[in-house]
Amino acid sequence: MGVPSVNVLEPVAAVFQSYLGTTLQRRVGAQHSLNEDYFARIEALNFTMEHDDGQMPETYDEPISSYWG
């Protein structure tokens, strides 16, 4: 696309690599394992955001799994 970019985390990663005596393992999406635990956490966050202001009390007793979309 021709858009210039700068990796601002490269110097920080280099310091950690030097300190830990290891090399960086570059894997896209490695910060999130898209497994059952991940989706359960997202579901809990969605429930919390929908109910954090006391709204929708009629759905308090529904199983959280009903919020999977």
N, C-alpha and C. Protein backbone atom coordinates (compact mmCIF):
# COMPACT_ATOMS: atom_id res chain seq x y z
N MET A 1 0.81 -1.19 0.00
CA MET A 1 0.00 0.00 0.00
C MET A 1 0.86 1.25 0.00
N GLY A 2 2.11 1.12 0.27
CA GLY A 2 3.00 2.26 0.23
C GLY A 2 2.90 3.21 1.41
N VAL A 3 2.34 2.74 2.52
CA VAL A 3 2.21 3.58 3.70
C VAL A 3 3.43 3.37 4.59
N PRO A 4 4.18 4.42 4.88
CA PRO A 4 5.36 4.25 5.74
C PRO A 4 4.93 3.91 7.16
N SER A 5 5.74 3.10 7.81
CA SER A 5 5.45 2.73 9.20
C SER A 5 6.75 2.62 9.99
N VAL A 6 6.61 2.74 11.29
CA VAL A 6 7.75 2.63 12.19
C VAL A 6 7.37 1.69 13.31
N ASN A 7 8.20 0.70 13.56
CA ASN A 7 7.95 -0.24 14.65
C ASN A 7 8.52 0.36 15.93
N VAL A 8 7.64 1.00 16.71
CA VAL A 8 8.10 1.69 17.92
C VAL A 8 8.43 0.73 19.06
N LEU A 9 7.99 -0.50 18.96
CA LEU A 9 8.27 -1.47 20.02
C LEU A 9 9.56 -2.25 19.80
N GLU A 10 10.16 -2.10 18.65
CA GLU A 10 11.39 -2.86 18.34
C GLU A 10 12.50 -2.58 19.35
N PRO A 11 12.79 -1.33 19.73
CA PRO A 11 13.84 -1.09 20.73
C PRO A 11 13.52 -1.73 22.08
N VAL A 12 12.25 -1.69 22.48
CA VAL A 12 11.85 -2.30 23.75
C VAL A 12 12.02 -3.82 23.67
N ALA A 13 11.60 -4.40 22.56
CA ALA A 13 11.74 -5.84 22.38
C ALA A 13 13.21 -6.24 22.39
N ALA A 14 14.06 -5.42 21.80
CA ALA A 14 15.49 -5.71 21.77
C ALA A 14 16.08 -5.74 23.18
N VAL A 15 15.65 -4.82 24.03
CA VAL A 15 16.13 -4.80 25.42
C VAL A 15 15.70 -6.07 26.14
N PHE A 16 14.43 -6.46 25.99
CA PHE A 16 13.95 -7.68 26.63
C PHE A 16 14.68 -8.91 26.11
N GLN A 17 14.91 -8.97 24.81
CA GLN A 17 15.64 -10.11 24.24
C GLN A 17 17.05 -10.20 24.82
N SER A 18 17.71 -9.07 24.92
CA SER A 18 19.07 -9.04 25.47
C SER A 18 19.06 -9.46 26.94
N TYR A 19 18.13 -8.92 27.71
CA TYR A 19 18.06 -9.21 29.14
C TYR A 19 17.70 -10.68 29.40
N LEU A 20 16.76 -11.20 28.63
CA LEU A 20 16.30 -12.57 28.84
C LEU A 20 17.14 -13.62 28.12
N GLY A 21 18.01 -13.16 27.23
CA GLY A 21 18.87 -14.09 26.50
C GLY A 21 18.09 -14.98 25.55
N THR A 22 17.08 -14.43 24.92
CA THR A 22 16.25 -15.20 24.00
C THR A 22 15.94 -14.34 22.78
N THR A 23 15.33 -14.95 21.78
CA THR A 23 14.96 -14.20 20.58
C THR A 23 13.44 -14.07 20.51
N LEU A 24 13.01 -13.07 19.80
CA LEU A 24 11.59 -12.79 19.65
C LEU A 24 10.95 -13.82 18.72
N GLN A 25 9.83 -14.36 19.14
CA GLN A 25 9.06 -15.29 18.32
C GLN A 25 7.89 -14.52 17.72
N ARG A 26 7.96 -14.20 16.45
CA ARG A 26 6.91 -13.39 15.82
C ARG A 26 5.79 -14.31 15.32
N ARG A 27 4.62 -14.15 15.95
CA ARG A 27 3.43 -14.91 15.54
C ARG A 27 2.24 -13.97 15.53
N VAL A 28 1.60 -13.84 14.41
CA VAL A 28 0.43 -12.98 14.30
C VAL A 28 -0.70 -13.54 15.15
N GLY A 29 -1.32 -12.68 15.94
CA GLY A 29 -2.45 -13.08 16.78
C GLY A 29 -2.07 -13.89 18.00
N ALA A 30 -0.81 -13.95 18.34
CA ALA A 30 -0.36 -14.79 19.45
C ALA A 30 -0.82 -14.25 20.81
N GLN A 31 -1.22 -12.98 20.86
CA GLN A 31 -1.65 -12.44 22.14
C GLN A 31 -3.00 -12.99 22.57
N HIS A 32 -3.77 -13.56 21.64
CA HIS A 32 -5.07 -14.13 21.97
C HIS A 32 -5.16 -15.54 21.40
N SER A 33 -5.34 -16.49 22.27
CA SER A 33 -5.66 -17.84 21.81
C SER A 33 -7.18 -17.89 21.70
N LEU A 34 -7.67 -18.05 20.51
CA LEU A 34 -9.11 -18.03 20.29
C LEU A 34 -9.70 -19.38 20.65
N ASN A 35 -9.75 -19.64 21.95
CA ASN A 35 -10.29 -20.90 22.44
C ASN A 35 -11.54 -20.62 23.28
N GLU A 36 -12.06 -21.65 23.91
CA GLU A 36 -13.28 -21.54 24.70
C GLU A 36 -13.13 -20.55 25.85
N ASP A 37 -11.98 -20.54 26.50
CA ASP A 37 -11.76 -19.61 27.62
C ASP A 37 -11.79 -18.16 27.16
N TYR A 38 -11.18 -17.89 26.01
CA TYR A 38 -11.18 -16.53 25.46
C TYR A 38 -12.61 -16.06 25.21
N PHE A 39 -13.41 -16.89 24.54
CA PHE A 39 -14.78 -16.50 24.23
C PHE A 39 -15.64 -16.37 25.48
N ALA A 40 -15.36 -17.16 26.50
CA ALA A 40 -16.10 -17.03 27.77
C ALA A 40 -15.79 -15.68 28.41
N ARG A 41 -14.54 -15.25 28.35
CA ARG A 41 -14.18 -13.94 28.91
C ARG A 41 -14.86 -12.81 28.14
N ILE A 42 -14.87 -12.91 26.82
CA ILE A 42 -15.52 -11.89 26.00
C ILE A 42 -17.02 -11.85 26.30
N GLU A 43 -17.62 -13.02 26.46
CA GLU A 43 -19.05 -13.10 26.78
C GLU A 43 -19.33 -12.44 28.14
N ALA A 44 -18.47 -12.67 29.10
CA ALA A 44 -18.64 -12.06 30.42
C ALA A 44 -18.51 -10.54 30.33
N LEU A 45 -17.58 -10.05 29.53
CA LEU A 45 -17.43 -8.60 29.33
C LEU A 45 -18.68 -8.02 28.68
N ASN A 46 -19.21 -8.69 27.67
CA ASN A 46 -20.42 -8.21 27.01
C ASN A 46 -21.58 -8.14 27.98
N PHE A 47 -21.75 -9.17 28.80
CA PHE A 47 -22.82 -9.19 29.81
C PHE A 47 -22.66 -8.00 30.76
N THR A 48 -21.43 -7.78 31.22
CA THR A 48 -21.15 -6.70 32.15
C THR A 48 -21.47 -5.35 31.54
N MET A 49 -21.08 -5.14 30.29
CA MET A 49 -21.34 -3.85 29.64
C MET A 49 -22.84 -3.63 29.44
N GLU A 50 -23.59 -4.69 29.17
CA GLU A 50 -25.03 -4.55 28.98
C GLU A 50 -25.76 -4.27 30.29
N HIS A 51 -25.20 -4.69 31.41
CA HIS A 51 -25.90 -4.60 32.69
C HIS A 51 -25.23 -3.68 33.71
N ASP A 52 -24.16 -3.00 33.35
CA ASP A 52 -23.41 -2.23 34.34
C ASP A 52 -24.17 -1.02 34.88
N ASP A 53 -25.20 -0.58 34.20
CA ASP A 53 -25.94 0.58 34.68
C ASP A 53 -27.32 0.20 35.22
N GLY A 54 -27.53 -1.08 35.51
CA GLY A 54 -28.79 -1.54 36.05
C GLY A 54 -29.86 -1.75 35.02
N GLN A 55 -29.51 -1.60 33.76
CA GLN A 55 -30.47 -1.80 32.70
C GLN A 55 -30.66 -3.29 32.41
N MET A 56 -31.75 -3.63 31.80
CA MET A 56 -32.07 -5.00 31.37
C MET A 56 -32.14 -5.98 32.54
N PRO A 57 -32.75 -5.63 33.67
CA PRO A 57 -32.81 -6.56 34.80
C PRO A 57 -33.59 -7.84 34.47
N GLU A 58 -34.44 -7.78 33.45
CA GLU A 58 -35.20 -8.97 33.08
C GLU A 58 -34.31 -10.09 32.55
N THR A 59 -33.07 -9.79 32.21
CA THR A 59 -32.17 -10.82 31.68
C THR A 59 -31.11 -11.25 32.69
N TYR A 60 -31.19 -10.78 33.93
CA TYR A 60 -30.19 -11.16 34.94
C TYR A 60 -30.11 -12.66 35.15
N ASP A 61 -31.23 -13.35 35.11
CA ASP A 61 -31.25 -14.78 35.40
C ASP A 61 -30.99 -15.66 34.19
N GLU A 62 -30.88 -15.07 33.01
CA GLU A 62 -30.60 -15.86 31.81
C GLU A 62 -29.17 -16.38 31.87
N PRO A 63 -28.96 -17.58 31.36
CA PRO A 63 -27.58 -18.08 31.28
C PRO A 63 -26.77 -17.17 30.37
N ILE A 64 -25.54 -16.95 30.73
CA ILE A 64 -24.69 -16.06 29.94
C ILE A 64 -24.53 -16.60 28.52
N SER A 65 -24.59 -17.91 28.35
CA SER A 65 -24.40 -18.48 27.01
C SER A 65 -25.46 -18.00 26.04
N SER A 66 -26.57 -17.43 26.53
CA SER A 66 -27.59 -16.92 25.61
C SER A 66 -27.13 -15.64 24.92
N TYR A 67 -26.01 -15.07 25.35
CA TYR A 67 -25.50 -13.85 24.77
C TYR A 67 -24.52 -14.11 23.62
N TRP A 68 -24.22 -15.35 23.34
CA TRP A 68 -23.35 -15.67 22.21
C TRP A 68 -24.13 -15.33 20.96
N GLY A 69 -23.51 -14.55 20.08
CA GLY A 69 -24.25 -14.02 19.02
C GLY A 69 -24.32 -14.59 17.72
